[in-house]
C-alpha cells in the first residue's frame, strides 16, 4: 500500500512542476492621497472591468473589502500619526495595491500621512483615469511672530516684504510707520490691526488675504489677539528678561486666562511672542550652555511648565529638538521667544522655522509656523 501512495505522490509532484503559477506584473503609480496626522478614512472609486483585488501591507492602513467585480469602491482607514512631547512621529507613506485579475497587473496607490514638521510640502497628486477620490480641501495658514524692538521704527519696507508669502504677521516694537503698509507695494489686500502707545511702542496683527476678526489688545502683559480662518492667534510680550520667575509665571497664567482657558474659546490656538523665560525641554543637550538651569524641576522653568500643563505644545522644541537660541542679552544666548499650539493645531503643523532677524538691530529671531487643517 505504501508503494502505491509513493507512486501517486510522485505523479502529483511532477504534474505540479509542469504548471505555471501566474502572477501579476508590476503596474503603475495611480496617485497619492495626502492626509493630516489625525486618524480618518478615504473612499476610493475604481472604474475597472472584471475582478479586481485591493490589499496593503502597511500596518496603519486597513481596508473595508479585499476587492470587487466591475466598477466599485473601497475605503481605506488610517490610524493616528499624532505626536506629543514623548512621541515624535515622522510623516509616513503606505502602498495600497489595486490588482486587476483580468489584466494581471498590480498598480500602486500611495497614502501619505503628515507627521512632525519636516519642512516639506505634501499634497495629493493627480489621479489615474480609472481611480477617483474626493480630496478634501485643507486650509493652510502661515504665521510669523516677530519682535522688532527699537529697529521697528525704520522697518516698514522690511515688514512689507515679509508680508509677501506669509498669511499672518504678529509683531511688536517701534511701529509708527506700520500705518503706511497699505500704501506700499503689496499685491494682496492687507487687513491690519495695530495698537500703539504714546512712545511709539506697538503691537500688531497683519493678515494678507485673510480677514482679522475680533482684534483685542490688553496690557500687563501686553498682548493682542484675533481670530483668523478659525484659528485663535495671540501675540504677547513680557517686555524684559530682568523680570523674576514669579512675575513671568503670573504673566503666563494671565495669557492663558485671557483666551485659551476661557469657556468656549475654541480648539485651535497659536500663542507666541518674547516671553523671556527658560524652556524646560532644552536642558541636557550638548549645545546647552553650562549656565542654563540643568534640573527640570528648577523654579526657573515654572512659566514654561505652566503653558505645557495647559495642554500647549512648544512648537520650536517639538520640531527642532535641541537647544534653540533666539535672543542675546549681551552675555548669553538663549530662547526667549516661543510659539505654543493647542494639541489639534500642533498636529496640523507642516513646518516650523526659526528665522534670522530681517531688520538690522533686531535683538530677537522670528518664528514661523505653517498649519494645514
Protein backbone atom coordinates (compact mmCIF):
# COMPACT_ATOMS: atom_id res chain seq x y z
CA UNK A 1 0.00 0.00 0.00
CA UNK A 2 2.84 2.37 0.89
CA UNK A 3 4.34 1.70 -2.53
CA UNK A 4 1.17 2.87 -4.31
CA UNK A 5 0.95 6.01 -2.14
CA UNK A 6 4.55 6.92 -3.01
CA UNK A 7 3.80 6.47 -6.74
CA UNK A 8 0.69 8.68 -6.52
CA UNK A 9 2.59 11.45 -4.65
CA UNK A 10 5.37 11.33 -7.22
CA UNK A 11 2.93 11.72 -10.13
CA UNK A 12 1.20 14.64 -8.36
CA UNK A 13 4.52 16.40 -7.75
CA UNK A 14 5.56 16.00 -11.36
CA UNK A 15 2.26 17.45 -12.58
CA UNK A 16 2.55 20.42 -10.26
CA UNK A 17 6.01 21.22 -11.58
CA UNK A 18 4.71 21.44 -15.14
CA UNK A 19 2.01 24.02 -14.20
CA UNK A 20 2.89 27.74 -14.32
CA UNK A 21 1.80 29.92 -11.42
CA UNK A 22 0.53 33.11 -12.99
CA UNK A 23 1.41 36.26 -11.04
CA UNK A 24 0.50 39.87 -11.70
CA UNK A 25 3.13 42.09 -13.27
CA UNK A 26 4.06 45.38 -11.65
CA UNK A 27 1.82 48.17 -12.88
CA UNK A 28 1.97 51.92 -12.49
CA UNK A 29 1.58 54.58 -9.82
CA UNK A 30 -2.03 55.70 -9.96
CA UNK A 31 -1.86 58.58 -7.49
CA UNK A 32 -1.06 59.73 -3.97
CA UNK A 33 -3.50 60.88 -1.31
CA UNK A 34 -2.27 63.30 1.37
CA UNK A 35 -3.97 63.32 4.79
CA UNK A 36 -3.30 65.03 8.11
CA UNK A 37 -1.89 63.33 11.22
CA UNK A 38 -5.37 62.77 12.64
CA UNK A 39 -7.00 59.34 12.11
CA UNK A 40 -9.62 59.09 9.38
CA UNK A 41 -10.82 57.37 6.24
CA UNK A 42 -10.76 57.86 2.47
CA UNK A 43 -13.07 56.22 -0.06
CA UNK A 44 -11.64 55.43 -3.49
CA UNK A 45 -13.74 54.73 -6.60
CA UNK A 46 -12.33 52.13 -9.00
CA UNK A 47 -13.71 52.21 -12.55
CA UNK A 48 -12.39 48.87 -13.79
CA UNK A 49 -13.94 45.90 -15.61
CA UNK A 50 -13.73 42.36 -14.33
CA UNK A 51 -12.46 41.16 -10.99
CA UNK A 52 -10.01 43.31 -9.05
CA UNK A 53 -8.42 42.94 -5.68
CA UNK A 54 -7.08 45.52 -3.21
CA UNK A 55 -4.56 44.95 -0.43
CA UNK A 56 -1.96 46.73 1.73
CA UNK A 57 0.96 45.65 3.88
CA UNK A 58 1.03 48.91 5.88
CA UNK A 59 0.03 48.10 9.46
CA UNK A 60 -1.51 51.58 9.96
CA UNK A 61 -3.91 51.18 7.00
CA UNK A 62 -6.91 48.86 6.90
CA UNK A 63 -9.42 48.21 4.09
CA UNK A 64 -13.13 47.50 4.25
CA UNK A 65 -13.08 44.98 1.33
CA UNK A 66 -10.45 42.94 -0.47
CA UNK A 67 -11.87 43.61 -3.92
CA UNK A 68 -14.93 43.74 -6.15
CA UNK A 69 -16.10 42.90 -9.65
CA UNK A 70 -16.54 45.74 -12.10
CA UNK A 71 -16.80 49.42 -11.13
CA UNK A 72 -16.95 49.80 -7.36
CA UNK A 73 -15.29 51.38 -4.34
CA UNK A 74 -13.24 50.60 -1.27
CA UNK A 75 -12.48 52.59 1.87
CA UNK A 76 -9.05 53.00 3.48
CA UNK A 77 -8.96 53.58 7.24
CA UNK A 78 -5.75 55.10 8.59
CA UNK A 79 -4.57 55.31 12.20
CA UNK A 80 -3.37 58.41 14.06
CA UNK A 81 0.13 59.72 13.38
CA UNK A 82 -0.11 62.45 16.01
CA UNK A 83 2.95 63.45 18.04
CA UNK A 84 3.42 64.74 21.57
CA UNK A 85 6.29 65.50 23.95
CA UNK A 86 7.09 61.79 24.23
CA UNK A 87 6.41 60.54 20.71
CA UNK A 88 7.77 62.23 17.59
CA UNK A 89 6.22 60.54 14.56
CA UNK A 90 7.64 61.38 11.11
CA UNK A 91 5.49 61.63 8.00
CA UNK A 92 4.82 58.21 6.51
CA UNK A 93 3.70 56.67 3.23
CA UNK A 94 1.88 53.37 2.72
CA UNK A 95 1.18 51.49 -0.50
CA UNK A 96 -2.29 50.23 -1.43
CA UNK A 97 -2.13 47.70 -4.28
CA UNK A 98 -5.01 47.55 -6.76
CA UNK A 99 -4.72 44.35 -8.79
CA UNK A 100 -6.66 43.65 -11.99
CA UNK A 101 -7.23 39.89 -12.36
CA UNK A 102 -8.36 40.44 -15.92
CA UNK A 103 -5.09 42.12 -16.98
CA UNK A 104 -2.90 40.55 -14.28
CA UNK A 105 -1.48 43.97 -13.40
CA UNK A 106 -0.87 45.41 -9.92
CA UNK A 107 -1.00 49.22 -9.68
CA UNK A 108 0.01 51.27 -6.61
CA UNK A 109 -1.95 54.00 -4.87
CA UNK A 110 0.06 55.76 -2.15
CA UNK A 111 -1.35 57.17 1.06
CA UNK A 112 0.84 59.90 2.61
CA UNK A 113 0.14 60.95 6.21
CA UNK A 114 1.56 64.06 7.83
CA UNK A 115 3.87 63.69 10.82
CA UNK A 116 6.06 66.16 12.68
CA UNK A 117 7.04 69.16 10.54
CA UNK A 118 9.91 68.28 8.20
CA UNK A 119 9.89 71.39 6.02
CA UNK A 120 8.44 69.51 3.03
CA UNK A 121 5.22 70.42 1.28
CA UNK A 122 2.97 67.43 0.63
CA UNK A 123 -0.25 67.32 -1.35
CA UNK A 124 -2.47 64.87 -3.18
CA UNK A 125 -1.18 64.20 -6.68
CA UNK A 126 -3.20 63.78 -9.92
CA UNK A 127 -5.19 60.58 -10.17
CA UNK A 128 -5.24 57.94 -12.89
CA UNK A 129 -8.27 57.86 -15.15
CA UNK A 130 -9.73 54.76 -13.51
CA UNK A 131 -9.18 55.99 -9.92
CA UNK A 132 -11.23 58.72 -8.26
CA UNK A 133 -11.30 60.08 -4.72
CA UNK A 134 -12.58 63.22 -3.09
CA UNK A 135 -9.63 65.32 -1.93
CA UNK A 136 -10.97 67.48 0.89
CA UNK A 137 -9.54 70.98 0.62
CA UNK A 138 -7.38 71.91 3.60
CA UNK A 139 -6.92 75.43 4.91
CA UNK A 140 -3.25 76.45 5.06
CA UNK A 141 -2.10 79.26 7.32
CA UNK A 142 1.48 80.52 7.72
CA UNK A 143 2.04 82.76 10.74
CA UNK A 144 5.18 84.69 11.73
CA UNK A 145 5.89 86.03 15.20
CA UNK A 146 8.50 88.82 15.37
CA UNK A 147 9.70 91.37 17.93
CA UNK A 148 11.25 94.29 16.01
CA UNK A 149 12.20 96.24 19.12
CA UNK A 150 13.78 99.65 18.55
CA UNK A 151 14.57 98.68 14.96
CA UNK A 152 10.87 98.71 14.12
CA UNK A 153 10.84 102.47 13.67
CA UNK A 154 12.58 102.11 10.31
CA UNK A 155 11.25 98.73 9.27
CA UNK A 156 8.04 99.40 7.33
CA UNK A 157 9.57 98.37 4.00
CA UNK A 158 11.06 95.21 5.52
CA UNK A 159 7.73 94.31 7.10
CA UNK A 160 6.05 94.82 3.75
CA UNK A 161 8.48 92.34 2.21
CA UNK A 162 7.74 89.90 4.99
CA UNK A 163 4.04 90.08 4.20
CA UNK A 164 4.71 88.58 0.78
CA UNK A 165 4.39 84.82 1.01
CA UNK A 166 3.11 84.80 4.57
CA UNK A 167 -0.51 84.82 5.69
CA UNK A 168 -0.22 86.43 9.11
CA UNK A 169 2.40 88.59 10.84
CA UNK A 170 2.17 89.12 14.61
CA UNK A 171 4.70 91.64 15.84
CA UNK A 172 5.77 94.26 18.35
CA UNK A 173 8.30 97.09 18.62
CA UNK A 174 8.56 100.69 17.45
CA UNK A 175 5.78 100.64 14.89
CA UNK A 176 4.76 104.18 13.83
CA UNK A 177 5.50 103.50 10.14
CA UNK A 178 3.40 100.35 10.05
CA UNK A 179 0.39 102.52 9.27
CA UNK A 180 1.93 103.11 5.84
CA UNK A 181 1.77 99.43 4.92
CA UNK A 182 -1.38 99.81 2.87
CA UNK A 183 0.37 102.44 0.73
CA UNK A 184 3.32 100.20 -0.09
CA UNK A 185 3.69 97.78 -2.98
CA UNK A 186 1.76 94.78 -1.71
CA UNK A 187 -0.17 92.62 -4.16
CA UNK A 188 -2.51 91.10 -1.60
CA UNK A 189 -5.03 93.04 0.40
CA UNK A 190 -3.80 93.52 3.97
CA UNK A 191 -6.11 93.52 6.95
CA UNK A 192 -4.05 95.11 9.74
CA UNK A 193 -4.86 95.89 13.34
CA UNK A 194 -2.38 97.93 15.37
CA UNK A 195 -2.23 99.34 18.89
CA UNK A 196 0.45 101.98 19.52
CA UNK A 197 1.15 103.86 22.76
CA UNK A 198 2.45 107.41 23.11
CA UNK A 199 6.08 106.28 22.89
CA UNK A 200 5.53 104.56 19.55
CA UNK A 201 5.65 101.07 21.06
CA UNK A 202 3.13 98.99 19.20
CA UNK A 203 1.55 95.58 18.82
CA UNK A 204 0.07 94.42 15.55
CA UNK A 205 -1.55 91.53 13.72
CA UNK A 206 -1.50 91.77 9.94
CA UNK A 207 -3.14 89.24 7.62
CA UNK A 208 -2.71 89.03 3.87
CA UNK A 209 -5.79 87.76 2.10
CA UNK A 210 -7.45 86.70 5.37
CA UNK A 211 -9.88 88.77 7.45
CA UNK A 212 -8.80 89.59 11.01
CA UNK A 213 -11.74 89.11 13.36
CA UNK A 214 -12.30 90.31 16.92
CA UNK A 215 -8.94 92.06 17.43
CA UNK A 216 -8.21 92.76 21.09
CA UNK A 217 -5.35 94.49 22.91
CA UNK A 218 -4.73 94.15 26.64
CA UNK A 219 -1.89 95.25 28.89
CA UNK A 220 0.09 93.65 31.75
CA UNK A 221 1.38 91.77 29.96
CA UNK A 222 0.89 93.50 26.65
CA UNK A 223 -0.91 91.19 24.24
CA UNK A 224 -3.09 91.27 21.16
CA UNK A 225 -5.27 88.52 19.77
CA UNK A 226 -7.52 87.82 16.81
CA UNK A 227 -9.38 85.01 15.07
CA UNK A 228 -8.14 84.27 11.54
CA UNK A 229 -9.71 81.48 9.47
CA UNK A 230 -10.94 79.78 12.61
CA UNK A 231 -7.54 79.95 14.35
CA UNK A 232 -7.11 81.97 17.54
CA UNK A 233 -3.82 83.84 17.21
CA UNK A 234 -2.34 85.60 20.25
CA UNK A 235 0.85 87.62 20.45
CA UNK A 236 2.19 88.55 23.89
CA UNK A 237 5.24 90.47 25.06
CA UNK A 238 6.58 90.08 28.60
CA UNK A 239 8.86 93.08 27.91
CA UNK A 240 12.02 92.21 29.82
CA UNK A 241 14.44 89.44 30.70
CA UNK A 242 15.02 91.05 34.11
CA UNK A 243 11.61 90.09 35.50
CA UNK A 244 11.61 87.48 38.24
CA UNK A 245 10.21 83.99 37.83
CA UNK A 246 7.13 84.87 39.92
CA UNK A 247 6.17 87.70 37.55
CA UNK A 248 6.82 85.60 34.44
CA UNK A 249 4.67 82.81 35.88
CA UNK A 250 1.87 85.27 36.64
CA UNK A 251 2.10 86.62 33.09
CA UNK A 252 1.87 83.10 31.65
CA UNK A 253 -1.24 82.42 33.73
CA UNK A 254 -2.76 85.73 32.60
CA UNK A 255 -2.17 84.97 28.91
CA UNK A 256 -3.93 81.62 29.31
CA UNK A 257 -6.83 83.12 31.25
CA UNK A 258 -7.44 85.77 28.58
CA UNK A 259 -8.29 83.29 25.86
CA UNK A 260 -7.13 79.71 25.75
CA UNK A 261 -8.58 78.74 29.13
CA UNK A 262 -11.87 80.62 28.68
CA UNK A 263 -15.02 78.50 28.20
CA UNK A 264 -15.96 78.22 24.53
CA UNK A 265 -12.62 79.65 23.41
CA UNK A 266 -12.22 77.13 20.59
CA UNK A 267 -9.75 74.32 20.00
CA UNK A 268 -7.31 75.95 17.55
CA UNK A 269 -4.74 78.22 19.22
CA UNK A 270 -1.34 79.70 18.38
CA UNK A 271 0.21 81.73 21.21
CA UNK A 272 3.61 83.32 20.71
CA UNK A 273 5.96 86.15 21.44
CA UNK A 274 9.00 87.15 23.53
CA UNK A 275 8.31 85.56 26.94
CA UNK A 276 11.93 85.66 28.18
CA UNK A 277 11.76 82.60 30.43
CA UNK A 278 13.66 79.32 30.06
CA UNK A 279 12.50 76.20 28.23
CA UNK A 280 12.37 73.09 30.40
CA UNK A 281 12.70 71.00 27.24
CA UNK A 282 16.10 72.44 26.29
CA UNK A 283 18.15 71.12 29.19
CA UNK A 284 20.70 68.35 28.80
CA UNK A 285 21.78 68.88 25.18
CA UNK A 286 25.39 69.17 24.07
CA UNK A 287 24.73 72.73 22.92
CA UNK A 288 23.02 73.73 26.18
CA UNK A 289 25.40 76.15 27.97
CA UNK A 290 26.71 75.45 31.46
CA UNK A 291 24.91 78.44 32.98
CA UNK A 292 21.48 77.16 31.87
CA UNK A 293 19.39 75.58 34.66
CA UNK A 294 20.03 71.84 34.48
CA UNK A 295 17.34 70.44 36.77
CA UNK A 296 13.90 70.19 35.06
CA UNK A 297 12.33 70.80 38.49
CA UNK A 298 14.09 74.17 38.82
CA UNK A 299 11.66 77.01 39.56
CA UNK A 300 13.11 78.89 36.58
CA UNK A 301 11.03 76.58 34.38
CA UNK A 302 7.70 77.22 36.15
CA UNK A 303 6.28 79.55 33.44
CA UNK A 304 7.09 77.08 30.66
CA UNK A 305 5.70 74.17 32.66
CA UNK A 306 2.53 76.21 33.24
CA UNK A 307 1.97 76.52 29.47
CA UNK A 308 2.63 72.84 28.90
CA UNK A 309 0.35 71.82 31.77
CA UNK A 310 -2.43 73.67 29.94
CA UNK A 311 -2.02 71.26 27.02
CA UNK A 312 0.01 73.54 24.75
CA UNK A 313 2.91 72.24 22.67
CA UNK A 314 6.17 74.21 22.40
CA UNK A 315 6.38 74.23 18.59
CA UNK A 316 10.06 75.19 18.32
CA UNK A 317 11.26 72.36 20.53
CA UNK A 318 8.75 69.86 19.12
CA UNK A 319 10.09 70.44 15.60
CA UNK A 320 13.78 71.05 16.41
CA UNK A 321 14.54 69.02 19.50
CA UNK A 322 17.64 70.59 20.97
CA UNK A 323 18.87 73.96 22.20
CA UNK A 324 17.39 76.76 20.06
CA UNK A 325 18.57 80.28 20.99
CA UNK A 326 16.59 83.23 19.61
CA UNK A 327 17.84 86.13 21.75
CA UNK A 328 21.01 87.53 23.29
CA UNK A 329 21.23 89.80 26.33
CA UNK A 330 24.88 90.54 25.65
CA UNK A 331 26.42 87.73 27.67
CA UNK A 332 24.09 84.82 26.97
CA UNK A 333 22.23 83.36 24.00
CA UNK A 334 19.05 81.52 24.83
CA UNK A 335 15.49 81.07 23.62
CA UNK A 336 13.32 83.88 24.85
CA UNK A 337 10.76 83.52 22.04
CA UNK A 338 8.03 80.92 21.87
CA UNK A 339 5.13 79.73 19.78
CA UNK A 340 2.74 77.35 21.51
CA UNK A 341 -0.01 75.44 19.74
CA UNK A 342 -3.04 73.61 21.05
CA UNK A 343 -2.82 69.86 20.56
CA UNK A 344 -5.02 69.61 17.46
CA UNK A 345 -3.27 72.52 15.78
CA UNK A 346 0.21 71.23 16.61
CA UNK A 347 -0.66 68.00 14.85
CA UNK A 348 -1.73 70.08 11.86
CA UNK A 349 1.70 71.77 11.67
CA UNK A 350 3.68 71.12 8.50
CA UNK A 351 6.61 73.49 9.07
CA UNK A 352 8.30 75.37 11.94
CA UNK A 353 11.26 77.70 11.36
CA UNK A 354 13.44 79.94 13.49
CA UNK A 355 14.29 82.85 11.17
CA UNK A 356 17.22 85.21 11.28
CA UNK A 357 16.35 88.83 12.07
CA UNK A 358 15.11 90.55 8.87
CA UNK A 359 15.92 94.04 10.14
CA UNK A 360 19.34 95.25 11.31
CA UNK A 361 19.33 95.92 15.03
CA UNK A 362 16.66 93.37 15.92
CA UNK A 363 17.61 91.53 19.13
CA UNK A 364 15.26 88.60 18.51
CA UNK A 365 14.94 85.98 15.82
CA UNK A 366 11.47 85.40 14.43
CA UNK A 367 9.45 82.17 14.46
CA UNK A 368 7.32 80.95 11.56
CA UNK A 369 4.80 78.13 11.62
CA UNK A 370 2.56 76.69 8.89
CA UNK A 371 -0.53 74.67 9.73
CA UNK A 372 -2.94 72.74 7.49
CA UNK A 373 -6.31 71.83 8.91
